[in-house]
Amino acid sequence: MASTTSIPAETTKRCDISKVKVGDVYSRHSFGKVIATTYRGGEQVTQIENSNGESWTVSGGIIENEFSFADQFDEEETVSRTRIIELLTDNPRTAMTIHFNKKPDAKKIAKELEAGKGSETAKVWNAKVKTLLLGEERVMIGYHVCFFDEHRRLRFQEAEKGQRLVDPRTLNWMVVNRVRFSVSK
C-alpha cells in the first residue's frame, strides 16, 4: 500500500470553515496517492490519501471527471523546447511527470576522461564524451507552483522526495493533462 508521508503537506488553510454555508461555490485542490481500489456494485471505488495524511473513498465517476494523474496520457505531441517550457510553466499545481537531464557531474567527467581514450575509435570516444556532457537522466512525478530560484531553476515538489530544482531548458519530455509532450530533436 502506498504512503503519502513523503509528499509535502499543504500547510496553508484554503478557507475558513466557519464561513462555509449552503450555496457557496468552491474549487478543490490536493495532491496525494491512490492507496486502494475496490469494486462496489459494479463500480470502481478508490481510496485516496492526500499529502496531509487524510484519506477518503471516491467513486469512479468523480475520479474520471475531477482528477488528473501525473502519468496518464492518451496523446503524444512533439514540440519545440520553448513550447515545452511554456507548457511546464503554464500548468502550476497540476500533477505531472517530467523527464530531464541533470547537470553533468564535473568530477565524474574528469575521472572518465582521465582513464584515457584507450583503444576506442574516435566515433566511440566522441559518443562517450557527448554522453558524459549530457548529464544523468531523471524522471520526477509531482507538481510545481511556478517559483524559480535565482538561476531560473524551477522548484518542483517531487512526490516521493520533496522539493527539487529543475532547469526547464533540460526537459526531454513531460506528461501533463493526459498528453505526453516530447522535445523535437
N, C-alpha and C. Protein backbone atom coordinates (compact mmCIF):
# COMPACT_ATOMS: atom_id res chain seq x y z
N MET A 1 0.85 -1.18 0.00
CA MET A 1 0.00 0.00 0.00
C MET A 1 0.90 1.24 0.00
N ALA A 2 0.59 2.18 -0.85
CA ALA A 2 1.39 3.40 -0.98
C ALA A 2 1.15 4.32 0.22
N SER A 3 2.15 5.09 0.56
CA SER A 3 2.02 6.04 1.65
C SER A 3 2.31 7.44 1.15
N THR A 4 1.64 8.42 1.70
CA THR A 4 1.87 9.80 1.27
C THR A 4 2.70 10.57 2.28
N THR A 5 3.32 9.88 3.22
CA THR A 5 4.09 10.60 4.24
C THR A 5 5.23 11.40 3.64
N SER A 6 5.70 11.02 2.44
CA SER A 6 6.82 11.75 1.83
C SER A 6 6.37 12.86 0.90
N ILE A 7 5.06 13.02 0.68
CA ILE A 7 4.56 14.12 -0.15
C ILE A 7 4.47 15.35 0.74
N PRO A 8 5.05 16.48 0.32
CA PRO A 8 4.99 17.67 1.17
C PRO A 8 3.55 18.04 1.51
N ALA A 9 3.30 18.26 2.78
CA ALA A 9 1.95 18.59 3.25
C ALA A 9 1.59 20.03 2.90
N GLU A 10 0.30 20.23 2.65
CA GLU A 10 -0.21 21.58 2.45
C GLU A 10 -0.29 22.22 3.85
N THR A 11 0.32 23.37 4.00
CA THR A 11 0.36 23.99 5.33
C THR A 11 -0.58 25.18 5.47
N THR A 12 -1.09 25.68 4.36
CA THR A 12 -1.96 26.84 4.42
C THR A 12 -3.40 26.41 4.25
N LYS A 13 -4.26 26.85 5.16
CA LYS A 13 -5.69 26.57 5.03
C LYS A 13 -6.22 27.40 3.86
N ARG A 14 -7.07 26.82 3.05
CA ARG A 14 -7.58 27.49 1.86
C ARG A 14 -8.90 28.21 2.11
N CYS A 15 -9.53 27.96 3.26
CA CYS A 15 -10.78 28.64 3.57
C CYS A 15 -10.99 28.66 5.08
N ASP A 16 -11.98 29.39 5.51
CA ASP A 16 -12.38 29.43 6.92
C ASP A 16 -13.66 28.60 7.03
N ILE A 17 -13.58 27.41 7.61
CA ILE A 17 -14.71 26.50 7.67
C ILE A 17 -15.92 27.12 8.37
N SER A 18 -15.69 28.04 9.28
CA SER A 18 -16.82 28.66 9.99
C SER A 18 -17.64 29.58 9.08
N LYS A 19 -17.10 29.93 7.92
CA LYS A 19 -17.81 30.81 6.99
C LYS A 19 -18.49 30.05 5.85
N VAL A 20 -18.33 28.72 5.79
CA VAL A 20 -18.92 27.92 4.72
C VAL A 20 -20.42 27.78 4.96
N LYS A 21 -21.20 28.05 3.90
CA LYS A 21 -22.66 27.95 4.02
C LYS A 21 -23.24 27.30 2.78
N VAL A 22 -24.44 26.82 2.89
CA VAL A 22 -25.14 26.18 1.78
C VAL A 22 -25.22 27.17 0.60
N GLY A 23 -24.89 26.69 -0.59
CA GLY A 23 -24.93 27.51 -1.78
C GLY A 23 -23.59 28.09 -2.17
N ASP A 24 -22.60 28.03 -1.28
CA ASP A 24 -21.26 28.53 -1.61
C ASP A 24 -20.67 27.73 -2.77
N VAL A 25 -19.94 28.39 -3.63
CA VAL A 25 -19.26 27.76 -4.75
C VAL A 25 -17.81 27.51 -4.33
N TYR A 26 -17.27 26.34 -4.70
CA TYR A 26 -15.91 26.01 -4.29
C TYR A 26 -15.12 25.41 -5.45
N SER A 27 -13.82 25.40 -5.28
CA SER A 27 -12.93 24.58 -6.10
C SER A 27 -12.07 23.82 -5.10
N ARG A 28 -11.50 22.76 -5.53
CA ARG A 28 -10.76 21.91 -4.61
C ARG A 28 -9.38 21.62 -5.16
N HIS A 29 -8.42 21.53 -4.26
CA HIS A 29 -7.05 21.28 -4.67
C HIS A 29 -6.38 20.38 -3.65
N SER A 30 -5.77 19.31 -4.11
CA SER A 30 -4.92 18.50 -3.22
C SER A 30 -4.03 17.60 -4.07
N PHE A 31 -2.99 17.10 -3.44
CA PHE A 31 -2.10 16.13 -4.06
C PHE A 31 -2.05 14.94 -3.14
N GLY A 32 -1.94 13.79 -3.70
CA GLY A 32 -1.88 12.59 -2.88
C GLY A 32 -1.67 11.37 -3.74
N LYS A 33 -2.04 10.22 -3.15
CA LYS A 33 -1.86 8.95 -3.84
C LYS A 33 -3.09 8.09 -3.67
N VAL A 34 -3.27 7.22 -4.64
CA VAL A 34 -4.28 6.18 -4.54
C VAL A 34 -3.71 5.12 -3.61
N ILE A 35 -4.47 4.74 -2.59
CA ILE A 35 -3.95 3.74 -1.66
C ILE A 35 -4.70 2.41 -1.75
N ALA A 36 -5.87 2.39 -2.40
CA ALA A 36 -6.60 1.14 -2.61
C ALA A 36 -7.69 1.35 -3.66
N THR A 37 -8.00 0.29 -4.39
CA THR A 37 -9.14 0.32 -5.30
C THR A 37 -9.96 -0.95 -5.07
N THR A 38 -11.27 -0.81 -5.07
CA THR A 38 -12.18 -1.94 -4.92
C THR A 38 -13.38 -1.72 -5.84
N TYR A 39 -14.23 -2.70 -5.88
CA TYR A 39 -15.46 -2.56 -6.66
C TYR A 39 -16.65 -2.74 -5.73
N ARG A 40 -17.61 -1.82 -5.86
CA ARG A 40 -18.83 -1.85 -5.07
C ARG A 40 -19.99 -1.70 -6.04
N GLY A 41 -20.85 -2.70 -6.12
CA GLY A 41 -21.98 -2.61 -7.02
C GLY A 41 -21.58 -2.45 -8.47
N GLY A 42 -20.47 -3.06 -8.86
CA GLY A 42 -20.02 -2.97 -10.24
C GLY A 42 -19.25 -1.71 -10.59
N GLU A 43 -19.10 -0.77 -9.65
CA GLU A 43 -18.37 0.47 -9.91
C GLU A 43 -17.08 0.48 -9.11
N GLN A 44 -16.01 0.96 -9.75
CA GLN A 44 -14.74 1.07 -9.04
C GLN A 44 -14.82 2.18 -8.00
N VAL A 45 -14.37 1.87 -6.81
CA VAL A 45 -14.30 2.83 -5.72
C VAL A 45 -12.84 2.93 -5.31
N THR A 46 -12.34 4.14 -5.19
CA THR A 46 -10.92 4.37 -4.95
C THR A 46 -10.70 5.04 -3.61
N GLN A 47 -9.80 4.49 -2.81
CA GLN A 47 -9.43 5.12 -1.55
C GLN A 47 -8.18 5.95 -1.82
N ILE A 48 -8.24 7.23 -1.47
CA ILE A 48 -7.12 8.13 -1.70
C ILE A 48 -6.67 8.73 -0.39
N GLU A 49 -5.43 9.18 -0.38
CA GLU A 49 -4.87 9.85 0.80
C GLU A 49 -4.15 11.10 0.31
N ASN A 50 -4.45 12.24 0.92
CA ASN A 50 -3.79 13.48 0.49
C ASN A 50 -2.47 13.67 1.22
N SER A 51 -1.77 14.74 0.89
CA SER A 51 -0.45 15.00 1.45
C SER A 51 -0.48 15.30 2.94
N ASN A 52 -1.66 15.56 3.49
CA ASN A 52 -1.78 15.78 4.93
C ASN A 52 -2.12 14.50 5.67
N GLY A 53 -2.20 13.37 4.95
CA GLY A 53 -2.48 12.09 5.58
C GLY A 53 -3.96 11.80 5.76
N GLU A 54 -4.83 12.66 5.25
CA GLU A 54 -6.26 12.43 5.35
C GLU A 54 -6.67 11.50 4.21
N SER A 55 -7.53 10.50 4.50
CA SER A 55 -7.94 9.60 3.44
C SER A 55 -9.45 9.50 3.38
N TRP A 56 -9.96 9.18 2.18
CA TRP A 56 -11.39 9.01 1.97
C TRP A 56 -11.60 8.17 0.73
N THR A 57 -12.84 7.78 0.51
CA THR A 57 -13.20 6.95 -0.63
C THR A 57 -13.95 7.80 -1.65
N VAL A 58 -13.61 7.60 -2.92
CA VAL A 58 -14.18 8.39 -4.01
C VAL A 58 -14.70 7.44 -5.08
N SER A 59 -15.86 7.76 -5.66
CA SER A 59 -16.41 6.93 -6.73
C SER A 59 -15.63 7.13 -8.02
N GLY A 60 -15.75 6.14 -8.90
CA GLY A 60 -15.05 6.19 -10.18
C GLY A 60 -15.45 7.39 -11.03
N GLY A 61 -16.73 7.78 -10.97
CA GLY A 61 -17.18 8.93 -11.76
C GLY A 61 -16.49 10.21 -11.34
N ILE A 62 -16.34 10.40 -10.05
CA ILE A 62 -15.64 11.60 -9.56
C ILE A 62 -14.17 11.54 -9.96
N ILE A 63 -13.55 10.39 -9.84
CA ILE A 63 -12.14 10.25 -10.24
C ILE A 63 -11.99 10.63 -11.71
N GLU A 64 -12.84 10.07 -12.58
CA GLU A 64 -12.72 10.35 -14.01
C GLU A 64 -13.00 11.80 -14.37
N ASN A 65 -13.91 12.44 -13.68
CA ASN A 65 -14.31 13.80 -14.04
C ASN A 65 -13.51 14.90 -13.35
N GLU A 66 -12.85 14.59 -12.23
CA GLU A 66 -12.21 15.65 -11.47
C GLU A 66 -10.72 15.45 -11.18
N PHE A 67 -10.19 14.27 -11.40
CA PHE A 67 -8.80 14.00 -11.03
C PHE A 67 -7.91 13.97 -12.26
N SER A 68 -6.70 14.49 -12.11
CA SER A 68 -5.65 14.39 -13.13
C SER A 68 -4.55 13.54 -12.54
N PHE A 69 -4.05 12.60 -13.31
CA PHE A 69 -2.97 11.76 -12.84
C PHE A 69 -1.69 12.08 -13.60
N ALA A 70 -0.58 12.09 -12.89
CA ALA A 70 0.69 12.55 -13.42
C ALA A 70 1.24 11.70 -14.56
N ASP A 71 0.84 10.45 -14.65
CA ASP A 71 1.47 9.58 -15.64
C ASP A 71 0.51 9.08 -16.73
N GLN A 72 -0.73 9.52 -16.72
CA GLN A 72 -1.69 9.06 -17.72
C GLN A 72 -1.69 9.98 -18.94
N PHE A 73 -1.61 9.35 -20.14
CA PHE A 73 -1.72 10.14 -21.36
C PHE A 73 -2.36 9.31 -22.46
N ASP A 74 -3.13 9.99 -23.32
CA ASP A 74 -3.81 9.38 -24.45
C ASP A 74 -3.23 9.88 -25.77
N GLU A 75 -2.54 11.00 -25.73
CA GLU A 75 -1.98 11.62 -26.93
C GLU A 75 -0.50 11.87 -26.73
N GLU A 76 0.21 11.97 -27.85
CA GLU A 76 1.62 12.35 -27.82
C GLU A 76 1.83 13.46 -28.83
N GLU A 77 2.58 14.47 -28.43
CA GLU A 77 2.90 15.59 -29.32
C GLU A 77 4.39 15.88 -29.24
N THR A 78 4.96 16.23 -30.37
CA THR A 78 6.34 16.69 -30.41
C THR A 78 6.30 18.21 -30.53
N VAL A 79 7.02 18.87 -29.63
CA VAL A 79 7.00 20.33 -29.58
C VAL A 79 8.43 20.88 -29.48
N SER A 80 8.57 22.17 -29.66
CA SER A 80 9.88 22.81 -29.52
C SER A 80 10.24 22.91 -28.04
N ARG A 81 11.50 23.15 -27.77
CA ARG A 81 11.95 23.32 -26.38
C ARG A 81 11.24 24.52 -25.74
N THR A 82 11.09 25.59 -26.49
CA THR A 82 10.38 26.78 -25.97
C THR A 82 8.96 26.42 -25.57
N ARG A 83 8.28 25.65 -26.41
CA ARG A 83 6.89 25.28 -26.13
C ARG A 83 6.78 24.37 -24.91
N ILE A 84 7.71 23.42 -24.74
CA ILE A 84 7.61 22.52 -23.58
C ILE A 84 7.86 23.29 -22.28
N ILE A 85 8.73 24.31 -22.35
CA ILE A 85 8.95 25.14 -21.17
C ILE A 85 7.68 25.93 -20.86
N GLU A 86 7.02 26.45 -21.89
CA GLU A 86 5.74 27.15 -21.69
C GLU A 86 4.69 26.23 -21.08
N LEU A 87 4.60 25.00 -21.61
CA LEU A 87 3.63 24.04 -21.08
C LEU A 87 3.91 23.72 -19.62
N LEU A 88 5.18 23.59 -19.26
CA LEU A 88 5.54 23.34 -17.87
C LEU A 88 5.10 24.49 -16.99
N THR A 89 5.49 25.70 -17.35
CA THR A 89 5.20 26.86 -16.50
C THR A 89 3.72 27.25 -16.54
N ASP A 90 3.00 26.90 -17.60
CA ASP A 90 1.57 27.23 -17.70
C ASP A 90 0.68 26.26 -16.91
N ASN A 91 1.26 25.26 -16.28
CA ASN A 91 0.47 24.27 -15.54
C ASN A 91 0.93 24.12 -14.09
N PRO A 92 0.93 25.22 -13.34
CA PRO A 92 1.30 25.08 -11.93
C PRO A 92 0.20 24.32 -11.18
N ARG A 93 0.59 23.71 -10.07
CA ARG A 93 -0.34 22.99 -9.19
C ARG A 93 -1.10 21.89 -9.93
N THR A 94 -0.45 21.30 -10.94
CA THR A 94 -1.02 20.21 -11.72
C THR A 94 -0.09 19.01 -11.62
N ALA A 95 -0.64 17.85 -11.31
CA ALA A 95 0.18 16.63 -11.25
C ALA A 95 0.77 16.35 -12.62
N MET A 96 2.07 16.07 -12.66
CA MET A 96 2.75 15.83 -13.93
C MET A 96 3.98 14.96 -13.72
N THR A 97 4.45 14.39 -14.83
CA THR A 97 5.71 13.65 -14.86
C THR A 97 6.64 14.41 -15.79
N ILE A 98 7.86 14.64 -15.34
CA ILE A 98 8.84 15.32 -16.19
C ILE A 98 10.08 14.44 -16.33
N HIS A 99 10.73 14.54 -17.49
CA HIS A 99 11.97 13.82 -17.76
C HIS A 99 12.98 14.85 -18.25
N PHE A 100 14.13 14.85 -17.64
CA PHE A 100 15.16 15.84 -17.98
C PHE A 100 16.53 15.25 -17.71
N ASN A 101 17.56 16.00 -18.06
CA ASN A 101 18.92 15.61 -17.75
C ASN A 101 19.46 16.49 -16.65
N LYS A 102 20.03 15.84 -15.63
CA LYS A 102 20.63 16.58 -14.53
C LYS A 102 21.90 17.27 -15.03
N LYS A 103 22.35 18.23 -14.26
CA LYS A 103 23.60 18.91 -14.58
C LYS A 103 24.73 17.87 -14.54
N PRO A 104 25.60 17.87 -15.55
CA PRO A 104 26.70 16.90 -15.56
C PRO A 104 27.59 17.05 -14.33
N ASP A 105 28.10 15.94 -13.86
CA ASP A 105 28.99 15.90 -12.69
C ASP A 105 30.42 16.07 -13.19
N ALA A 106 31.03 17.22 -12.92
CA ALA A 106 32.37 17.53 -13.42
C ALA A 106 33.41 16.51 -12.94
N LYS A 107 33.30 16.06 -11.69
CA LYS A 107 34.26 15.08 -11.16
C LYS A 107 34.15 13.75 -11.88
N LYS A 108 32.92 13.34 -12.17
CA LYS A 108 32.71 12.08 -12.90
C LYS A 108 33.28 12.19 -14.31
N ILE A 109 33.05 13.32 -14.96
CA ILE A 109 33.58 13.52 -16.32
C ILE A 109 35.10 13.49 -16.29
N ALA A 110 35.68 14.20 -15.33
CA ALA A 110 37.15 14.25 -15.23
C ALA A 110 37.72 12.85 -15.00
N LYS A 111 37.07 12.06 -14.16
CA LYS A 111 37.53 10.71 -13.87
C LYS A 111 37.48 9.84 -15.12
N GLU A 112 36.38 9.92 -15.85
CA GLU A 112 36.22 9.15 -17.08
C GLU A 112 37.26 9.56 -18.12
N LEU A 113 37.49 10.85 -18.26
CA LEU A 113 38.45 11.33 -19.24
C LEU A 113 39.88 11.00 -18.83
N GLU A 114 40.12 11.01 -17.52
CA GLU A 114 41.44 10.69 -17.00
C GLU A 114 41.82 9.24 -17.32
N ALA A 115 40.81 8.38 -17.35
CA ALA A 115 41.05 6.97 -17.65
C ALA A 115 41.64 6.81 -19.05
N GLY A 116 41.49 7.84 -19.85
CA GLY A 116 42.11 7.83 -21.17
C GLY A 116 41.24 7.22 -22.24
N LYS A 117 41.63 7.53 -23.43
CA LYS A 117 40.88 7.09 -24.59
C LYS A 117 41.06 5.59 -24.83
N GLY A 118 42.19 5.07 -24.50
CA GLY A 118 42.42 3.64 -24.70
C GLY A 118 42.35 3.25 -26.16
N SER A 119 41.76 2.11 -26.44
CA SER A 119 41.70 1.60 -27.81
C SER A 119 40.40 1.96 -28.52
N GLU A 120 39.61 2.85 -27.94
CA GLU A 120 38.33 3.22 -28.54
C GLU A 120 38.54 4.02 -29.82
N THR A 121 37.66 3.81 -30.77
CA THR A 121 37.72 4.58 -32.01
C THR A 121 37.28 6.01 -31.71
N ALA A 122 37.58 6.91 -32.64
CA ALA A 122 37.19 8.31 -32.45
C ALA A 122 35.67 8.43 -32.32
N LYS A 123 34.94 7.64 -33.07
CA LYS A 123 33.48 7.69 -33.02
C LYS A 123 32.96 7.26 -31.64
N VAL A 124 33.50 6.17 -31.12
CA VAL A 124 33.09 5.68 -29.79
C VAL A 124 33.50 6.69 -28.72
N TRP A 125 34.70 7.22 -28.82
CA TRP A 125 35.19 8.20 -27.85
C TRP A 125 34.31 9.46 -27.85
N ASN A 126 33.98 9.98 -29.04
CA ASN A 126 33.13 11.17 -29.13
C ASN A 126 31.75 10.91 -28.55
N ALA A 127 31.20 9.73 -28.79
CA ALA A 127 29.88 9.38 -28.24
C ALA A 127 29.95 9.32 -26.71
N LYS A 128 31.04 8.79 -26.19
CA LYS A 128 31.22 8.69 -24.74
C LYS A 128 31.30 10.09 -24.12
N VAL A 129 32.07 10.97 -24.72
CA VAL A 129 32.21 12.34 -24.22
C VAL A 129 30.85 13.06 -24.28
N LYS A 130 30.13 12.90 -25.39
CA LYS A 130 28.82 13.53 -25.53
C LYS A 130 27.86 13.06 -24.44
N THR A 131 27.86 11.75 -24.16
CA THR A 131 27.00 11.20 -23.11
C THR A 131 27.37 11.76 -21.75
N LEU A 132 28.66 11.86 -21.47
CA LEU A 132 29.10 12.40 -20.18
C LEU A 132 28.69 13.85 -20.02
N LEU A 133 28.74 14.63 -21.10
CA LEU A 133 28.39 16.04 -21.03
C LEU A 133 26.89 16.28 -20.93
N LEU A 134 26.10 15.29 -21.34
CA LEU A 134 24.65 15.44 -21.31
C LEU A 134 24.10 15.41 -19.88
N GLY A 135 24.66 14.64 -19.03
CA GLY A 135 24.17 14.54 -17.66
C GLY A 135 23.21 13.37 -17.51
N GLU A 136 23.06 12.92 -16.29
CA GLU A 136 22.22 11.78 -15.97
C GLU A 136 20.74 12.08 -16.22
N GLU A 137 20.03 11.11 -16.77
CA GLU A 137 18.59 11.27 -16.99
C GLU A 137 17.85 11.14 -15.67
N ARG A 138 16.75 11.88 -15.55
CA ARG A 138 15.97 11.85 -14.31
C ARG A 138 14.50 11.98 -14.66
N VAL A 139 13.65 11.22 -13.98
CA VAL A 139 12.21 11.32 -14.10
C VAL A 139 11.66 11.71 -12.73
N MET A 140 10.79 12.70 -12.71
CA MET A 140 10.16 13.12 -11.46
C MET A 140 8.65 13.22 -11.65
N ILE A 141 7.94 12.84 -10.62
CA ILE A 141 6.48 12.95 -10.60
C ILE A 141 6.12 13.89 -9.47
N GLY A 142 5.29 14.87 -9.76
CA GLY A 142 4.90 15.83 -8.74
C GLY A 142 4.21 17.03 -9.35
N TYR A 143 4.53 18.21 -8.82
CA TYR A 143 3.92 19.45 -9.29
C TYR A 143 4.83 20.61 -8.93
N HIS A 144 4.52 21.78 -9.46
CA HIS A 144 5.27 22.98 -9.10
C HIS A 144 4.27 24.12 -8.87
N VAL A 145 4.75 25.19 -8.27
CA VAL A 145 3.91 26.37 -8.05
C VAL A 145 4.48 27.57 -8.80
N CYS A 146 5.27 27.28 -9.83
CA CYS A 146 5.83 28.30 -10.72
C CYS A 146 6.75 29.28 -9.98
N PHE A 147 7.59 28.74 -9.12
CA PHE A 147 8.57 29.56 -8.42
C PHE A 147 9.96 29.18 -8.90
N PHE A 148 10.73 30.17 -9.35
CA PHE A 148 12.07 29.94 -9.86
C PHE A 148 13.10 30.51 -8.90
N ASP A 149 14.26 29.85 -8.81
CA ASP A 149 15.33 30.39 -7.98
C ASP A 149 16.11 31.43 -8.78
N GLU A 150 17.19 31.93 -8.22
CA GLU A 150 17.97 33.00 -8.86
C GLU A 150 18.67 32.53 -10.14
N HIS A 151 18.76 31.23 -10.37
CA HIS A 151 19.39 30.70 -11.58
C HIS A 151 18.36 30.22 -12.60
N ARG A 152 17.10 30.60 -12.40
CA ARG A 152 15.97 30.24 -13.27
C ARG A 152 15.66 28.75 -13.25
N ARG A 153 16.01 28.07 -12.15
CA ARG A 153 15.62 26.68 -11.97
C ARG A 153 14.27 26.66 -11.27
N LEU A 154 13.40 25.80 -11.75
CA LEU A 154 12.04 25.69 -11.21
C LEU A 154 12.05 24.81 -9.97
N ARG A 155 11.36 25.28 -8.93
CA ARG A 155 11.22 24.45 -7.72
C ARG A 155 10.05 23.51 -7.94
N PHE A 156 10.36 22.22 -7.95
CA PHE A 156 9.40 21.17 -8.26
C PHE A 156 9.20 20.31 -7.02
N GLN A 157 7.95 20.08 -6.64
CA GLN A 157 7.64 19.23 -5.49
C GLN A 157 7.54 17.79 -5.98
N GLU A 158 8.59 17.03 -5.76
CA GLU A 158 8.58 15.63 -6.19
C GLU A 158 7.85 14.80 -5.14
N ALA A 159 6.93 13.96 -5.62
CA ALA A 159 6.04 13.22 -4.74
C ALA A 159 6.77 12.39 -3.69
N GLU A 160 7.82 11.73 -4.03
CA GLU A 160 8.49 10.85 -3.08
C GLU A 160 9.65 11.48 -2.32
N LYS A 161 10.10 12.66 -2.75
CA LYS A 161 11.34 13.19 -2.18
C LYS A 161 11.28 14.63 -1.69
N GLY A 162 10.20 15.33 -1.95
CA GLY A 162 10.13 16.73 -1.54
C GLY A 162 10.57 17.66 -2.65
N GLN A 163 11.04 18.84 -2.28
CA GLN A 163 11.37 19.87 -3.26
C GLN A 163 12.69 19.59 -3.97
N ARG A 164 12.67 19.74 -5.30
CA ARG A 164 13.86 19.58 -6.13
C ARG A 164 13.91 20.75 -7.11
N LEU A 165 15.11 21.03 -7.63
CA LEU A 165 15.27 22.09 -8.62
C LEU A 165 15.43 21.48 -10.01
N VAL A 166 14.77 22.09 -10.99
CA VAL A 166 14.82 21.61 -12.37
C VAL A 166 15.13 22.79 -13.27
N ASP A 167 16.11 22.61 -14.15
CA ASP A 167 16.37 23.61 -15.18
C ASP A 167 15.45 23.27 -16.34
N PRO A 168 14.42 24.08 -16.60
CA PRO A 168 13.46 23.76 -17.66
C PRO A 168 14.09 23.57 -19.03
N ARG A 169 15.27 24.15 -19.26
CA ARG A 169 15.94 24.02 -20.56
C ARG A 169 16.45 22.61 -20.81
N THR A 170 16.45 21.76 -19.77
CA THR A 170 16.95 20.39 -19.92
C THR A 170 15.82 19.37 -20.08
N LEU A 171 14.57 19.83 -20.19
CA LEU A 171 13.45 18.91 -20.34
C LEU A 171 13.55 18.12 -21.65
N ASN A 172 13.27 16.84 -21.58
CA ASN A 172 13.20 15.98 -22.77
C ASN A 172 11.75 15.66 -23.11
N TRP A 173 10.95 15.38 -22.07
CA TRP A 173 9.53 15.15 -22.26
C TRP A 173 8.81 15.36 -20.94
N MET A 174 7.48 15.50 -21.05
CA MET A 174 6.65 15.64 -19.86
C MET A 174 5.25 15.12 -20.17
N VAL A 175 4.57 14.66 -19.12
CA VAL A 175 3.18 14.23 -19.23
C VAL A 175 2.37 15.18 -18.35
N VAL A 176 1.39 15.84 -18.95
CA VAL A 176 0.51 16.74 -18.21
C VAL A 176 -0.83 16.79 -18.93
N ASN A 177 -1.89 16.78 -18.16
CA ASN A 177 -3.25 16.87 -18.71
C ASN A 177 -3.51 15.85 -19.81
N ARG A 178 -3.06 14.63 -19.59
CA ARG A 178 -3.30 13.48 -20.46
C ARG A 178 -2.62 13.57 -21.83
N VAL A 179 -1.55 14.38 -21.91
CA VAL A 179 -0.77 14.46 -23.15
C VAL A 179 0.71 14.30 -22.78
N ARG A 180 1.43 13.51 -23.58
CA ARG A 180 2.88 13.38 -23.41
C ARG A 180 3.53 14.26 -24.47
N PHE A 181 4.22 15.30 -24.01
CA PHE A 181 4.90 16.24 -24.89
C PHE A 181 6.38 15.89 -24.92
N SER A 182 6.95 15.75 -26.12
CA SER A 182 8.37 15.47 -26.27
C SER A 182 9.02 16.60 -27.05
N VAL A 183 10.28 16.88 -26.71
CA VAL A 183 11.02 17.93 -27.41
C VAL A 183 11.47 17.38 -28.75
N SER A 184 11.25 18.17 -29.81
CA SER A 184 11.69 17.75 -31.14
C SER A 184 13.21 17.78 -31.18
N LYS A 185 13.75 16.82 -31.85
CA LYS A 185 15.23 16.70 -31.93
C LYS A 185 15.75 17.46 -33.13
